[in-house]
Every structure is written in C-alpha cells, then in structure tokens.
C-alpha atoms as a PDB file:
ATOM      1  CA  UNK A   1       1.953   1.278  -7.589  1.00  0.00           C
ATOM      2  CA  UNK A   2       2.995   0.672 -11.102  1.00  0.00           C
ATOM      3  CA  UNK A   3       1.407  -2.333 -12.830  1.00  0.00           C
ATOM      4  CA  UNK A   4       3.415  -5.384 -12.532  1.00  0.00           C
ATOM      5  CA  UNK A   5       4.252  -6.324 -16.190  1.00  0.00           C
ATOM      6  CA  UNK A   6       7.423  -7.448 -17.972  1.00  0.00           C
ATOM      7  CA  UNK A   7       7.869  -4.113 -19.685  1.00  0.00           C
ATOM      8  CA  UNK A   8       7.797  -2.151 -16.254  1.00  0.00           C
ATOM      9  CA  UNK A   9      10.142  -4.713 -14.697  1.00  0.00           C
ATOM     10  CA  UNK A  10      12.691  -4.400 -17.571  1.00  0.00           C
ATOM     11  CA  UNK A  11      12.399  -0.596 -17.324  1.00  0.00           C
ATOM     12  CA  UNK A  12      13.316  -0.482 -13.818  1.00  0.00           C
ATOM     13  CA  UNK A  13      16.144  -3.018 -13.965  1.00  0.00           C
ATOM     14  CA  UNK A  14      17.641  -1.407 -16.986  1.00  0.00           C
ATOM     15  CA  UNK A  15      17.581   2.002 -15.509  1.00  0.00           C
ATOM     16  CA  UNK A  16      19.202   0.574 -12.209  1.00  0.00           C
ATOM     17  CA  UNK A  17      21.893  -1.197 -14.201  1.00  0.00           C
ATOM     18  CA  UNK A  18      22.581   1.932 -16.326  1.00  0.00           C
ATOM     19  CA  UNK A  19      22.825   4.073 -13.229  1.00  0.00           C
ATOM     20  CA  UNK A  20      25.050   1.489 -11.383  1.00  0.00           C
ATOM     21  CA  UNK A  21      27.494   1.029 -14.356  1.00  0.00           C
ATOM     22  CA  UNK A  22      27.976   4.100 -16.461  1.00  0.00           C
ATOM     23  CA  UNK A  23      25.246   6.771 -16.967  1.00  0.00           C
ATOM     24  CA  UNK A  24      26.099  10.301 -15.839  1.00  0.00           C
ATOM     25  CA  UNK A  25      23.827  11.326 -12.903  1.00  0.00           C
ATOM     26  CA  UNK A  26      22.688  14.806 -11.878  1.00  0.00           C
ATOM     27  CA  UNK A  27      19.511  15.131  -9.781  1.00  0.00           C
ATOM     28  CA  UNK A  28      19.082  18.833 -10.594  1.00  0.00           C
ATOM     29  CA  UNK A  29      19.066  17.993 -14.432  1.00  0.00           C
ATOM     30  CA  UNK A  30      15.466  16.986 -15.769  1.00  0.00           C
ATOM     31  CA  UNK A  31      17.093  14.521 -18.018  1.00  0.00           C
ATOM     32  CA  UNK A  32      19.655  12.870 -15.597  1.00  0.00           C
ATOM     33  CA  UNK A  33      17.819  12.817 -12.380  1.00  0.00           C
ATOM     34  CA  UNK A  34      15.982   9.811 -11.008  1.00  0.00           C
ATOM     35  CA  UNK A  35      12.795  10.190 -13.380  1.00  0.00           C
ATOM     36  CA  UNK A  36      15.009  11.425 -16.035  1.00  0.00           C
ATOM     37  CA  UNK A  37      16.868   8.271 -16.263  1.00  0.00           C
ATOM     38  CA  UNK A  38      13.622   6.171 -16.326  1.00  0.00           C
ATOM     39  CA  UNK A  39      12.310   8.343 -19.041  1.00  0.00           C
ATOM     40  CA  UNK A  40      15.596   7.874 -21.006  1.00  0.00           C
ATOM     41  CA  UNK A  41      15.181   4.230 -20.622  1.00  0.00           C
ATOM     42  CA  UNK A  42      11.396   4.120 -21.726  1.00  0.00           C
ATOM     43  CA  UNK A  43      11.521   6.837 -24.421  1.00  0.00           C
ATOM     44  CA  UNK A  44      15.008   6.147 -25.696  1.00  0.00           C
ATOM     45  CA  UNK A  45      15.415  10.026 -25.811  1.00  0.00           C
ATOM     46  CA  UNK A  46      18.799  11.516 -24.447  1.00  0.00           C
ATOM     47  CA  UNK A  47      19.114  13.472 -21.422  1.00  0.00           C
ATOM     48  CA  UNK A  48      19.458  16.510 -23.321  1.00  0.00           C
ATOM     49  CA  UNK A  49      16.274  15.812 -25.180  1.00  0.00           C
ATOM     50  CA  UNK A  50      14.149  15.202 -22.021  1.00  0.00           C
ATOM     51  CA  UNK A  51      15.634  18.252 -20.428  1.00  0.00           C
ATOM     52  CA  UNK A  52      14.876  20.541 -23.424  1.00  0.00           C
ATOM     53  CA  UNK A  53      11.329  19.140 -23.447  1.00  0.00           C
ATOM     54  CA  UNK A  54      10.925  19.928 -19.738  1.00  0.00           C
ATOM     55  CA  UNK A  55      12.090  23.496 -20.259  1.00  0.00           C
ATOM     56  CA  UNK A  56       9.040  24.457 -22.465  1.00  0.00           C
ATOM     57  CA  UNK A  57       7.141  24.429 -19.241  1.00  0.00           C
ATOM     58  CA  UNK A  58       8.135  25.559 -15.600  1.00  0.00           C
ATOM     59  CA  UNK A  59       8.863  23.285 -12.734  1.00  0.00           C
ATOM     60  CA  UNK A  60      10.601  20.248 -11.757  1.00  0.00           C
ATOM     61  CA  UNK A  61       9.321  16.703 -12.276  1.00  0.00           C
ATOM     62  CA  UNK A  62       6.949  16.987  -9.441  1.00  0.00           C
ATOM     63  CA  UNK A  63       5.495  20.163 -10.742  1.00  0.00           C
ATOM     64  CA  UNK A  64       5.300  18.853 -14.280  1.00  0.00           C
ATOM     65  CA  UNK A  65       3.508  15.719 -13.183  1.00  0.00           C
ATOM     66  CA  UNK A  66       0.906  17.851 -11.408  1.00  0.00           C
ATOM     67  CA  UNK A  67       0.463  20.197 -14.436  1.00  0.00           C
ATOM     68  CA  UNK A  68       0.439  17.123 -16.736  1.00  0.00           C
ATOM     69  CA  UNK A  69      -2.316  17.027 -19.396  1.00  0.00           C
ATOM     70  CA  UNK A  70      -2.532  14.205 -21.887  1.00  0.00           C
ATOM     71  CA  UNK A  71      -4.089  16.540 -24.596  1.00  0.00           C
ATOM     72  CA  UNK A  72      -1.657  19.550 -24.110  1.00  0.00           C
ATOM     73  CA  UNK A  73       0.458  18.447 -26.993  1.00  0.00           C
ATOM     74  CA  UNK A  74       3.549  19.635 -25.080  1.00  0.00           C
ATOM     75  CA  UNK A  75       6.641  17.405 -25.778  1.00  0.00           C
ATOM     76  CA  UNK A  76       7.250  16.975 -22.039  1.00  0.00           C
ATOM     77  CA  UNK A  77       3.647  15.637 -21.501  1.00  0.00           C
ATOM     78  CA  UNK A  78       4.227  13.200 -24.481  1.00  0.00           C
ATOM     79  CA  UNK A  79       7.248  11.910 -22.487  1.00  0.00           C
ATOM     80  CA  UNK A  80       5.076  11.256 -19.516  1.00  0.00           C
ATOM     81  CA  UNK A  81       2.428   9.744 -21.702  1.00  0.00           C
ATOM     82  CA  UNK A  82       4.938   7.093 -22.669  1.00  0.00           C
ATOM     83  CA  UNK A  83       5.768   6.297 -19.094  1.00  0.00           C
ATOM     84  CA  UNK A  84       2.203   5.994 -18.064  1.00  0.00           C
ATOM     85  CA  UNK A  85       1.383   3.863 -21.078  1.00  0.00           C
ATOM     86  CA  UNK A  86       4.017   1.446 -19.983  1.00  0.00           C
ATOM     87  CA  UNK A  87       2.237   1.042 -16.574  1.00  0.00           C
ATOM     88  CA  UNK A  88       3.677   3.610 -14.320  1.00  0.00           C
ATOM     89  CA  UNK A  89       1.417   6.139 -12.470  1.00  0.00           C
ATOM     90  CA  UNK A  90       2.070   9.731 -11.883  1.00  0.00           C
ATOM     91  CA  UNK A  91       2.349   9.101  -8.222  1.00  0.00           C
ATOM     92  CA  UNK A  92       4.945   6.446  -8.872  1.00  0.00           C
ATOM     93  CA  UNK A  93       7.058   9.064 -10.812  1.00  0.00           C
ATOM     94  CA  UNK A  94       6.859  11.637  -8.202  1.00  0.00           C
ATOM     95  CA  UNK A  95       7.741   9.121  -5.597  1.00  0.00           C
ATOM     96  CA  UNK A  96      10.731   7.993  -7.700  1.00  0.00           C
ATOM     97  CA  UNK A  97      11.975  11.597  -7.890  1.00  0.00           C
ATOM     98  CA  UNK A  98      12.120  11.685  -4.098  1.00  0.00           C
ATOM     99  CA  UNK A  99      12.467   8.046  -3.320  1.00  0.00           C
ATOM    100  CA  UNK A 100       9.455   8.560  -1.138  1.00  0.00           C
ATOM    101  CA  UNK A 101       7.068   5.441  -1.825  1.00  0.00           C
ATOM    102  CA  UNK A 102       6.193   4.216   1.665  1.00  0.00           C
ATOM    103  CA  UNK A 103       5.718   0.502   0.316  1.00  0.00           C
ATOM    104  CA  UNK A 104       9.096   0.507  -1.450  1.00  0.00           C
ATOM    105  CA  UNK A 105      10.965   2.242   1.569  1.00  0.00           C
ATOM    106  CA  UNK A 106       9.414  -0.337   4.010  1.00  0.00           C
ATOM    107  CA  UNK A 107      11.177  -3.270   1.890  1.00  0.00           C
ATOM    108  CA  UNK A 108      14.513  -1.618   2.500  1.00  0.00           C
ATOM    109  CA  UNK A 109      16.339  -2.410   5.589  1.00  0.00           C
ATOM    110  CA  UNK A 110      15.626   0.027   8.384  1.00  0.00           C
ATOM    111  CA  UNK A 111      19.173   1.409   8.820  1.00  0.00           C
ATOM    112  CA  UNK A 112      19.463   1.949   4.992  1.00  0.00           C
ATOM    113  CA  UNK A 113      15.816   3.227   4.611  1.00  0.00           C
ATOM    114  CA  UNK A 114      16.400   6.097   7.106  1.00  0.00           C
ATOM    115  CA  UNK A 115      19.541   7.172   5.289  1.00  0.00           C
ATOM    116  CA  UNK A 116      18.128   7.213   1.803  1.00  0.00           C
ATOM    117  CA  UNK A 117      18.919  10.514  -0.030  1.00  0.00           C
ATOM    118  CA  UNK A 118      16.995  11.296  -3.169  1.00  0.00           C
ATOM    119  CA  UNK A 119      19.734  12.796  -4.864  1.00  0.00           C
ATOM    120  CA  UNK A 120      22.394   9.953  -4.357  1.00  0.00           C
ATOM    121  CA  UNK A 121      22.957   7.547  -7.257  1.00  0.00           C
ATOM    122  CA  UNK A 122      23.384   4.452  -5.068  1.00  0.00           C
ATOM    123  CA  UNK A 123      20.266   5.088  -3.156  1.00  0.00           C
ATOM    124  CA  UNK A 124      18.351   5.576  -6.518  1.00  0.00           C
ATOM    125  CA  UNK A 125      19.823   2.181  -7.602  1.00  0.00           C
ATOM    126  CA  UNK A 126      18.729   0.461  -4.204  1.00  0.00           C
ATOM    127  CA  UNK A 127      15.166   2.148  -4.663  1.00  0.00           C
ATOM    128  CA  UNK A 128      14.826   0.900  -8.175  1.00  0.00           C
ATOM    129  CA  UNK A 129      15.923  -2.593  -7.458  1.00  0.00           C
ATOM    130  CA  UNK A 130      13.888  -2.887  -4.413  1.00  0.00           C
ATOM    131  CA  UNK A 131      10.773  -1.665  -6.335  1.00  0.00           C
ATOM    132  CA  UNK A 132      11.468  -4.047  -9.148  1.00  0.00           C
ATOM    133  CA  UNK A 133      11.950  -7.009  -6.540  1.00  0.00           C
ATOM    134  CA  UNK A 134       8.366  -6.091  -5.139  1.00  0.00           C
ATOM    135  CA  UNK A 135       6.805  -5.911  -8.603  1.00  0.00           C
ATOM    136  CA  UNK A 136       8.368  -9.273  -9.652  1.00  0.00           C
ATOM    137  CA  UNK A 137       7.036 -10.841  -6.515  1.00  0.00           C
ATOM    138  CA  UNK A 138       3.518  -9.352  -7.303  1.00  0.00           C
ATOM    139  CA  UNK A 139       3.984 -10.481 -10.995  1.00  0.00           C
ATOM    140  CA  UNK A 140       5.092 -14.066 -10.028  1.00  0.00           C
ATOM    141  CA  UNK A 141       1.916 -14.359  -7.724  1.00  0.00           C
ATOM    142  CA  UNK A 142      -0.353 -13.525 -10.580  1.00  0.00           C
ATOM    143  CA  UNK A 143       1.111 -16.260 -12.794  1.00  0.00           C
ATOM    144  CA  UNK A 144      -1.072 -19.273 -13.081  1.00  0.00           C
ATOM    145  CA  UNK A 145       0.659 -22.571 -12.019  1.00  0.00           C
ATOM    146  CA  UNK A 146       0.305 -25.625 -14.232  1.00  0.00           C
ATOM    147  CA  UNK A 147      -2.001 -28.334 -12.789  1.00  0.00           C
ATOM    148  CA  UNK A 148      -0.006 -31.271 -11.723  1.00  0.00           C
ATOM    149  CA  UNK A 149      -1.449 -34.740 -12.392  1.00  0.00           C
ATOM    150  CA  UNK A 150      -0.289 -36.672  -9.588  1.00  0.00           C
ATOM    151  CA  UNK A 151      -2.798 -39.638  -9.527  1.00  0.00           C
ATOM    152  CA  UNK A 152      -1.601 -41.523 -12.623  1.00  0.00           C
ATOM    153  CA  UNK A 153       2.029 -41.420 -11.008  1.00  0.00           C
ATOM    154  CA  UNK A 154       0.830 -42.631  -7.882  1.00  0.00           C
ATOM    155  CA  UNK A 155      -1.425 -45.307  -9.469  1.00  0.00           C
ATOM    156  CA  UNK A 156       1.667 -46.940 -11.271  1.00  0.00           C
ATOM    157  CA  UNK A 157       3.653 -46.914  -8.098  1.00  0.00           C
ATOM    158  CA  UNK A 158       1.121 -48.902  -6.119  1.00  0.00           C
END
C-alpha cells in the first residue's frame, strides 16, 4: 500500500473532495477516471493533458501501468513517475482504477463493499476516503509520542 506520508494523505483527501464537490467524472476517460483524478491532483495537469499523454500509447490505466517504464521518456510514464514519487505504487493505482484493494475494501462496511462499482463517483469518493483513513491511522501510529515526566508532578503533590 502507498507510503503513509502527509503528501499521499493530502492527495487522497483532495481528490476525494474534488470528486465530491465539483469535478467532472467519466470512468472511460483517462484524465477523468479514478486514477485520472488522482493524477490531476498530483501533477496539476488538466484532464485533457493527461488524456492526451495516455493516447500516445495503447491501453487503459491498468495496461499503461503494466507497460510503465521510468526511462521511456513517454509523457504518460512521466505522469506515473510523479505519482510513484509521491509514495503510491503501481499496484495502488491499478487497484484504485477498479476499487479493488482488499485491505481498503475490508475497511468498508460489508453491505456497501459488496455493492461498490468502480465507475461510480460516490463509490470512488468512499474508497479514497477509506484509503486515506487507513493511511492516517498508520501514519499516526508511526509518530513518536512525547515522553511525559510524571514523577516531578507527583512528588509535589505528596
């Protein structure tokens, strides 16, 4: 799963918020689908720019992720590079496109989990927010807690 860092968390929450409030969504469009929206957030490219980059090679996000080569020089591979550099993996992105990561799905209530549709805006928002919540929990658990000096306080009370 993606690295739990603040940049990844912000990208997931921002993408979910944009989808929930205003952004056009079209699952069959490389720049307006699940991964396309996350790519917009991370790269700040428009949906049209992402789509145009994708058309320079064949395939949907899944195929493009399988064929990804960091040294190809292809613009779409550069888009993927930016997403990976932030802390996502190719598997994360492939799962996002189909809302299929088992760990994320397991955190969604059973009734809703079994009704998830990969091409439904509300389901994508739920998936992104659930993913962010899981990573936030992981991130919080990794943060060191300050040591508490209880002895001096107790000594003054006694």
